[in-house]
Amino acid sequence: QVQLVESGGGLVQAGASLRLSCAASGRAFHTSVMGWFRQAPGKEREFVATISWNGGVTYYADSVKGRFTISRDHAKNTVYLQMNTLRPEDTAVYFCAAEVDYSGANYLTDDAAKYDYWGQGTQVTVSS
């Protein structure tokens, strides 16, 4: 099992930066594919970014490519989402997720249904 706790959200102005953290517990973290998703009020949950188990491969939604960076630190059991040049449309609750049951060294997915464990989310609000 993997337990996930997000932190780092807040209220910022457009153009600012934030770094979200997702602290994981459970040995399965070290072999998990990790993802970040977000959900704005009245909208469906959408994919943001994902990273392979060893951090060697990443994939981003077009809407955040070039602005957001996902990374992981195995020593700290933590996944990060560095968010730069934030826009009002980035306002949402951000969730991290872990997929433990997969195959392939470079496996990634943007499908929320494939992820096995989820955190409670952290609110990010970007004012214009």
N, C-alpha and C. Protein backbone atom coordinates (compact mmCIF):
# COMPACT_ATOMS: atom_id res chain seq x y z
N GLN A 1 0.82 -1.20 0.00
CA GLN A 1 0.00 0.00 0.00
C GLN A 1 0.86 1.25 0.00
N VAL A 2 0.26 2.36 -0.45
CA VAL A 2 0.94 3.65 -0.47
C VAL A 2 -0.02 4.69 0.10
N GLN A 3 0.43 5.42 1.09
CA GLN A 3 -0.34 6.55 1.62
C GLN A 3 0.28 7.84 1.12
N LEU A 4 -0.56 8.77 0.69
CA LEU A 4 -0.07 9.99 0.04
C LEU A 4 -0.65 11.22 0.73
N VAL A 5 0.21 12.21 0.98
CA VAL A 5 -0.23 13.47 1.60
C VAL A 5 0.38 14.63 0.82
N GLU A 6 -0.49 15.44 0.22
CA GLU A 6 -0.03 16.59 -0.53
C GLU A 6 0.11 17.82 0.37
N SER A 7 1.00 18.73 -0.04
CA SER A 7 1.16 20.01 0.64
C SER A 7 1.74 21.02 -0.33
N GLY A 8 1.74 22.29 0.07
CA GLY A 8 2.37 23.32 -0.74
C GLY A 8 1.42 24.20 -1.51
N GLY A 9 0.12 23.91 -1.45
CA GLY A 9 -0.83 24.76 -2.15
C GLY A 9 -0.98 26.10 -1.48
N GLY A 10 -1.70 26.99 -2.15
CA GLY A 10 -1.92 28.31 -1.58
C GLY A 10 -2.53 29.26 -2.57
N LEU A 11 -2.59 30.53 -2.17
CA LEU A 11 -3.14 31.59 -3.01
C LEU A 11 -1.98 32.44 -3.51
N VAL A 12 -1.85 32.55 -4.83
CA VAL A 12 -0.78 33.34 -5.43
C VAL A 12 -1.36 34.18 -6.57
N GLN A 13 -0.58 35.14 -7.01
CA GLN A 13 -0.97 35.95 -8.16
C GLN A 13 -0.49 35.31 -9.45
N ALA A 14 -1.13 35.66 -10.52
CA ALA A 14 -0.72 35.16 -11.83
C ALA A 14 0.75 35.49 -12.07
N GLY A 15 1.47 34.53 -12.63
CA GLY A 15 2.90 34.70 -12.90
C GLY A 15 3.80 34.16 -11.80
N ALA A 16 3.23 33.87 -10.65
CA ALA A 16 4.02 33.37 -9.53
C ALA A 16 4.31 31.88 -9.68
N SER A 17 5.08 31.36 -8.72
CA SER A 17 5.44 29.95 -8.71
C SER A 17 5.02 29.32 -7.39
N LEU A 18 4.78 28.02 -7.45
CA LEU A 18 4.53 27.21 -6.26
C LEU A 18 5.17 25.86 -6.48
N ARG A 19 5.56 25.23 -5.38
CA ARG A 19 6.03 23.85 -5.47
C ARG A 19 5.16 22.98 -4.57
N LEU A 20 4.48 22.04 -5.19
CA LEU A 20 3.69 21.08 -4.44
C LEU A 20 4.55 19.88 -4.08
N SER A 21 4.28 19.31 -2.91
CA SER A 21 4.95 18.10 -2.47
C SER A 21 3.92 17.03 -2.19
N CYS A 22 4.31 15.80 -2.41
CA CYS A 22 3.46 14.65 -2.11
C CYS A 22 4.34 13.66 -1.35
N ALA A 23 4.11 13.58 -0.05
CA ALA A 23 4.87 12.67 0.80
C ALA A 23 4.20 11.31 0.81
N ALA A 24 5.00 10.30 0.54
CA ALA A 24 4.46 8.94 0.43
C ALA A 24 5.02 8.05 1.52
N SER A 25 4.20 7.15 2.00
CA SER A 25 4.65 6.13 2.92
C SER A 25 4.31 4.77 2.33
N GLY A 26 5.10 3.77 2.68
CA GLY A 26 4.91 2.45 2.09
C GLY A 26 6.01 2.15 1.11
N ARG A 27 6.54 0.93 1.18
CA ARG A 27 7.68 0.57 0.34
C ARG A 27 7.33 0.55 -1.15
N ALA A 28 6.05 0.40 -1.45
CA ALA A 28 5.65 0.34 -2.87
C ALA A 28 5.92 1.64 -3.60
N PHE A 29 6.12 2.73 -2.85
CA PHE A 29 6.39 4.01 -3.50
C PHE A 29 7.57 3.92 -4.45
N HIS A 30 8.60 3.17 -4.06
CA HIS A 30 9.85 3.17 -4.81
C HIS A 30 9.70 2.53 -6.18
N THR A 31 8.66 1.76 -6.40
CA THR A 31 8.42 1.17 -7.71
C THR A 31 7.12 1.68 -8.33
N SER A 32 6.54 2.69 -7.73
CA SER A 32 5.27 3.21 -8.24
C SER A 32 5.48 4.24 -9.34
N VAL A 33 4.61 4.25 -10.30
CA VAL A 33 4.46 5.37 -11.22
C VAL A 33 3.63 6.42 -10.48
N MET A 34 4.08 7.66 -10.51
CA MET A 34 3.40 8.72 -9.78
C MET A 34 2.82 9.74 -10.75
N GLY A 35 1.68 10.29 -10.36
CA GLY A 35 1.04 11.28 -11.22
C GLY A 35 0.46 12.42 -10.41
N TRP A 36 0.30 13.55 -11.06
CA TRP A 36 -0.42 14.69 -10.51
C TRP A 36 -1.64 14.94 -11.39
N PHE A 37 -2.76 15.17 -10.73
CA PHE A 37 -4.01 15.50 -11.41
C PHE A 37 -4.58 16.74 -10.73
N ARG A 38 -5.55 17.37 -11.37
CA ARG A 38 -6.21 18.52 -10.75
C ARG A 38 -7.68 18.53 -11.10
N GLN A 39 -8.44 19.19 -10.23
CA GLN A 39 -9.88 19.29 -10.46
C GLN A 39 -10.35 20.67 -10.06
N ALA A 40 -10.86 21.39 -11.04
CA ALA A 40 -11.41 22.72 -10.81
C ALA A 40 -12.91 22.59 -10.50
N PRO A 41 -13.48 23.59 -9.82
CA PRO A 41 -14.91 23.51 -9.49
C PRO A 41 -15.77 23.31 -10.72
N GLY A 42 -16.66 22.33 -10.67
CA GLY A 42 -17.58 22.07 -11.77
C GLY A 42 -16.96 21.35 -12.95
N LYS A 43 -15.70 20.95 -12.82
CA LYS A 43 -15.04 20.26 -13.93
C LYS A 43 -14.57 18.88 -13.50
N GLU A 44 -14.29 18.06 -14.49
CA GLU A 44 -13.78 16.73 -14.21
C GLU A 44 -12.31 16.79 -13.83
N ARG A 45 -11.86 15.76 -13.12
CA ARG A 45 -10.46 15.66 -12.78
C ARG A 45 -9.65 15.50 -14.07
N GLU A 46 -8.55 16.24 -14.17
CA GLU A 46 -7.73 16.16 -15.38
C GLU A 46 -6.28 15.88 -15.05
N PHE A 47 -5.64 15.22 -15.99
CA PHE A 47 -4.23 14.86 -15.86
C PHE A 47 -3.35 16.10 -15.95
N VAL A 48 -2.29 16.11 -15.14
CA VAL A 48 -1.31 17.20 -15.18
C VAL A 48 0.07 16.69 -15.60
N ALA A 49 0.59 15.69 -14.87
CA ALA A 49 1.94 15.20 -15.15
C ALA A 49 2.11 13.83 -14.52
N THR A 50 3.07 13.07 -15.07
CA THR A 50 3.38 11.76 -14.52
C THR A 50 4.87 11.49 -14.65
N ILE A 51 5.38 10.62 -13.77
CA ILE A 51 6.81 10.30 -13.76
C ILE A 51 6.98 8.81 -13.52
N SER A 52 7.95 8.23 -14.22
CA SER A 52 8.20 6.80 -14.10
C SER A 52 8.78 6.46 -12.74
N TRP A 53 8.86 5.17 -12.43
CA TRP A 53 9.28 4.74 -11.11
C TRP A 53 10.68 5.23 -10.76
N ASN A 54 11.56 5.32 -11.77
CA ASN A 54 12.94 5.74 -11.49
C ASN A 54 13.18 7.20 -11.81
N GLY A 55 12.13 7.91 -12.19
CA GLY A 55 12.28 9.33 -12.49
C GLY A 55 12.85 9.63 -13.86
N GLY A 56 13.12 8.58 -14.63
CA GLY A 56 13.79 8.79 -15.90
C GLY A 56 12.90 9.27 -17.03
N VAL A 57 11.61 9.08 -16.89
CA VAL A 57 10.68 9.46 -17.96
C VAL A 57 9.53 10.27 -17.35
N THR A 58 9.18 11.34 -18.01
CA THR A 58 8.07 12.18 -17.57
C THR A 58 7.16 12.49 -18.75
N TYR A 59 5.94 12.89 -18.43
CA TYR A 59 4.96 13.22 -19.46
C TYR A 59 4.02 14.27 -18.88
N TYR A 60 3.67 15.27 -19.72
CA TYR A 60 2.87 16.40 -19.23
C TYR A 60 1.65 16.64 -20.12
N ALA A 61 0.64 17.21 -19.50
CA ALA A 61 -0.49 17.72 -20.28
C ALA A 61 -0.01 18.92 -21.08
N ASP A 62 -0.58 19.10 -22.25
CA ASP A 62 -0.17 20.22 -23.10
C ASP A 62 -0.35 21.56 -22.38
N SER A 63 -1.37 21.66 -21.55
CA SER A 63 -1.68 22.93 -20.89
C SER A 63 -0.61 23.37 -19.89
N VAL A 64 0.24 22.45 -19.44
CA VAL A 64 1.26 22.80 -18.44
C VAL A 64 2.67 22.59 -18.95
N LYS A 65 2.81 22.03 -20.13
CA LYS A 65 4.14 21.73 -20.67
C LYS A 65 4.96 23.00 -20.78
N GLY A 66 6.18 22.94 -20.28
CA GLY A 66 7.07 24.10 -20.31
C GLY A 66 6.94 25.00 -19.10
N ARG A 67 5.89 24.81 -18.30
CA ARG A 67 5.68 25.61 -17.08
C ARG A 67 5.82 24.77 -15.81
N PHE A 68 5.38 23.52 -15.86
CA PHE A 68 5.40 22.64 -14.70
C PHE A 68 6.48 21.58 -14.87
N THR A 69 7.05 21.14 -13.74
CA THR A 69 8.05 20.08 -13.75
C THR A 69 7.75 19.10 -12.62
N ILE A 70 7.64 17.84 -12.98
CA ILE A 70 7.45 16.79 -11.98
C ILE A 70 8.79 16.13 -11.69
N SER A 71 9.02 15.80 -10.43
CA SER A 71 10.26 15.12 -10.04
C SER A 71 9.98 14.27 -8.82
N ARG A 72 10.92 13.39 -8.49
CA ARG A 72 10.76 12.55 -7.32
C ARG A 72 12.09 12.36 -6.63
N ASP A 73 12.01 12.20 -5.31
CA ASP A 73 13.20 11.99 -4.48
C ASP A 73 12.94 10.72 -3.68
N HIS A 74 13.61 9.65 -4.05
CA HIS A 74 13.39 8.37 -3.38
C HIS A 74 13.89 8.40 -1.95
N ALA A 75 14.93 9.14 -1.69
CA ALA A 75 15.47 9.22 -0.33
C ALA A 75 14.46 9.87 0.62
N LYS A 76 13.65 10.79 0.08
CA LYS A 76 12.67 11.49 0.90
C LYS A 76 11.26 10.96 0.69
N ASN A 77 11.11 9.95 -0.13
CA ASN A 77 9.77 9.38 -0.41
C ASN A 77 8.79 10.47 -0.83
N THR A 78 9.22 11.33 -1.71
CA THR A 78 8.41 12.50 -2.06
C THR A 78 8.42 12.74 -3.56
N VAL A 79 7.28 13.14 -4.05
CA VAL A 79 7.14 13.60 -5.44
C VAL A 79 6.81 15.09 -5.40
N TYR A 80 7.37 15.82 -6.34
CA TYR A 80 7.19 17.27 -6.38
C TYR A 80 6.53 17.69 -7.70
N LEU A 81 5.84 18.80 -7.64
CA LEU A 81 5.35 19.45 -8.85
C LEU A 81 5.72 20.92 -8.75
N GLN A 82 6.75 21.31 -9.49
CA GLN A 82 7.16 22.70 -9.55
C GLN A 82 6.30 23.40 -10.58
N MET A 83 5.60 24.43 -10.15
CA MET A 83 4.67 25.13 -11.04
C MET A 83 5.13 26.57 -11.19
N ASN A 84 5.50 26.93 -12.40
CA ASN A 84 5.96 28.29 -12.70
C ASN A 84 4.97 29.00 -13.62
N THR A 85 5.06 30.31 -13.63
CA THR A 85 4.21 31.13 -14.49
C THR A 85 2.75 30.71 -14.37
N LEU A 86 2.28 30.68 -13.16
CA LEU A 86 0.92 30.22 -12.91
C LEU A 86 -0.10 31.16 -13.53
N ARG A 87 -1.20 30.57 -13.95
CA ARG A 87 -2.29 31.29 -14.59
C ARG A 87 -3.58 31.08 -13.80
N PRO A 88 -4.54 31.97 -13.92
CA PRO A 88 -5.82 31.76 -13.22
C PRO A 88 -6.47 30.43 -13.56
N GLU A 89 -6.28 29.97 -14.78
CA GLU A 89 -6.89 28.69 -15.18
C GLU A 89 -6.21 27.48 -14.55
N ASP A 90 -5.10 27.70 -13.84
CA ASP A 90 -4.47 26.61 -13.08
C ASP A 90 -5.14 26.41 -11.73
N THR A 91 -6.07 27.27 -11.37
CA THR A 91 -6.77 27.15 -10.09
C THR A 91 -7.52 25.83 -10.03
N ALA A 92 -7.25 25.05 -8.99
CA ALA A 92 -7.85 23.73 -8.84
C ALA A 92 -7.37 23.10 -7.54
N VAL A 93 -7.99 21.99 -7.19
CA VAL A 93 -7.43 21.12 -6.16
C VAL A 93 -6.49 20.15 -6.87
N TYR A 94 -5.27 20.05 -6.38
CA TYR A 94 -4.25 19.20 -7.00
C TYR A 94 -4.09 17.93 -6.17
N PHE A 95 -4.12 16.80 -6.86
CA PHE A 95 -4.01 15.49 -6.24
C PHE A 95 -2.78 14.76 -6.76
N CYS A 96 -2.10 14.05 -5.88
CA CYS A 96 -1.09 13.12 -6.38
C CYS A 96 -1.65 11.71 -6.28
N ALA A 97 -1.11 10.85 -7.11
CA ALA A 97 -1.61 9.49 -7.21
C ALA A 97 -0.47 8.54 -7.51
N ALA A 98 -0.66 7.27 -7.11
CA ALA A 98 0.35 6.24 -7.31
C ALA A 98 -0.26 5.03 -8.01
N GLU A 99 0.46 4.54 -8.99
CA GLU A 99 0.05 3.29 -9.63
C GLU A 99 1.12 2.25 -9.32
N VAL A 100 0.72 1.16 -8.71
CA VAL A 100 1.68 0.15 -8.28
C VAL A 100 1.62 -1.11 -9.13
N ASP A 101 0.53 -1.32 -9.84
CA ASP A 101 0.34 -2.56 -10.58
C ASP A 101 0.44 -2.26 -12.07
N TYR A 102 1.63 -2.39 -12.60
CA TYR A 102 1.87 -2.11 -14.01
C TYR A 102 3.06 -2.92 -14.47
N SER A 103 3.35 -2.85 -15.74
CA SER A 103 4.54 -3.54 -16.26
C SER A 103 5.26 -2.64 -17.24
N GLY A 104 6.56 -2.78 -17.31
CA GLY A 104 7.36 -1.97 -18.22
C GLY A 104 8.17 -0.93 -17.49
N ALA A 105 9.45 -0.87 -17.78
CA ALA A 105 10.37 0.01 -17.06
C ALA A 105 10.03 1.48 -17.27
N ASN A 106 9.53 1.83 -18.44
CA ASN A 106 9.25 3.23 -18.75
C ASN A 106 7.75 3.50 -18.84
N TYR A 107 6.98 2.70 -18.18
CA TYR A 107 5.52 2.83 -18.21
C TYR A 107 5.06 4.15 -17.61
N LEU A 108 4.14 4.81 -18.29
CA LEU A 108 3.49 6.02 -17.80
C LEU A 108 2.04 5.98 -18.24
N THR A 109 1.18 6.69 -17.54
CA THR A 109 -0.20 6.80 -17.99
C THR A 109 -0.81 8.11 -17.53
N ASP A 110 -1.68 8.67 -18.35
CA ASP A 110 -2.42 9.87 -17.98
C ASP A 110 -3.88 9.53 -17.63
N ASP A 111 -4.16 8.24 -17.48
CA ASP A 111 -5.51 7.77 -17.21
C ASP A 111 -5.70 7.64 -15.69
N ALA A 112 -6.55 8.49 -15.13
CA ALA A 112 -6.76 8.49 -13.69
C ALA A 112 -7.26 7.14 -13.18
N ALA A 113 -8.01 6.44 -14.01
CA ALA A 113 -8.59 5.16 -13.59
C ALA A 113 -7.52 4.09 -13.35
N LYS A 114 -6.33 4.30 -13.90
CA LYS A 114 -5.26 3.32 -13.74
C LYS A 114 -4.53 3.46 -12.40
N TYR A 115 -4.69 4.59 -11.74
CA TYR A 115 -3.96 4.83 -10.50
C TYR A 115 -4.65 4.16 -9.32
N ASP A 116 -3.85 3.62 -8.42
CA ASP A 116 -4.38 2.79 -7.34
C ASP A 116 -4.60 3.56 -6.03
N TYR A 117 -3.77 4.56 -5.78
CA TYR A 117 -3.82 5.29 -4.52
C TYR A 117 -3.83 6.78 -4.79
N TRP A 118 -4.58 7.51 -3.96
CA TRP A 118 -4.74 8.96 -4.12
C TRP A 118 -4.57 9.67 -2.79
N GLY A 119 -4.04 10.89 -2.87
CA GLY A 119 -4.01 11.76 -1.72
C GLY A 119 -5.31 12.53 -1.59
N GLN A 120 -5.39 13.37 -0.56
CA GLN A 120 -6.60 14.14 -0.29
C GLN A 120 -6.66 15.44 -1.08
N GLY A 121 -5.54 15.87 -1.61
CA GLY A 121 -5.53 17.07 -2.44
C GLY A 121 -5.08 18.31 -1.68
N THR A 122 -4.58 19.28 -2.45
CA THR A 122 -4.18 20.58 -1.91
C THR A 122 -4.68 21.66 -2.86
N GLN A 123 -5.24 22.73 -2.30
CA GLN A 123 -5.86 23.77 -3.10
C GLN A 123 -4.82 24.75 -3.63
N VAL A 124 -4.89 25.02 -4.91
CA VAL A 124 -4.07 26.06 -5.54
C VAL A 124 -5.03 27.09 -6.15
N THR A 125 -4.87 28.33 -5.75
CA THR A 125 -5.70 29.40 -6.28
C THR A 125 -4.79 30.48 -6.86
N VAL A 126 -5.02 30.82 -8.12
CA VAL A 126 -4.22 31.82 -8.81
C VAL A 126 -5.12 33.00 -9.16
N SER A 127 -4.81 34.16 -8.61
CA SER A 127 -5.61 35.35 -8.88
C SER A 127 -5.03 36.13 -10.06
N SER A 128 -5.91 36.81 -10.76
CA SER A 128 -5.47 37.57 -11.94
C SER A 128 -5.06 38.99 -11.57
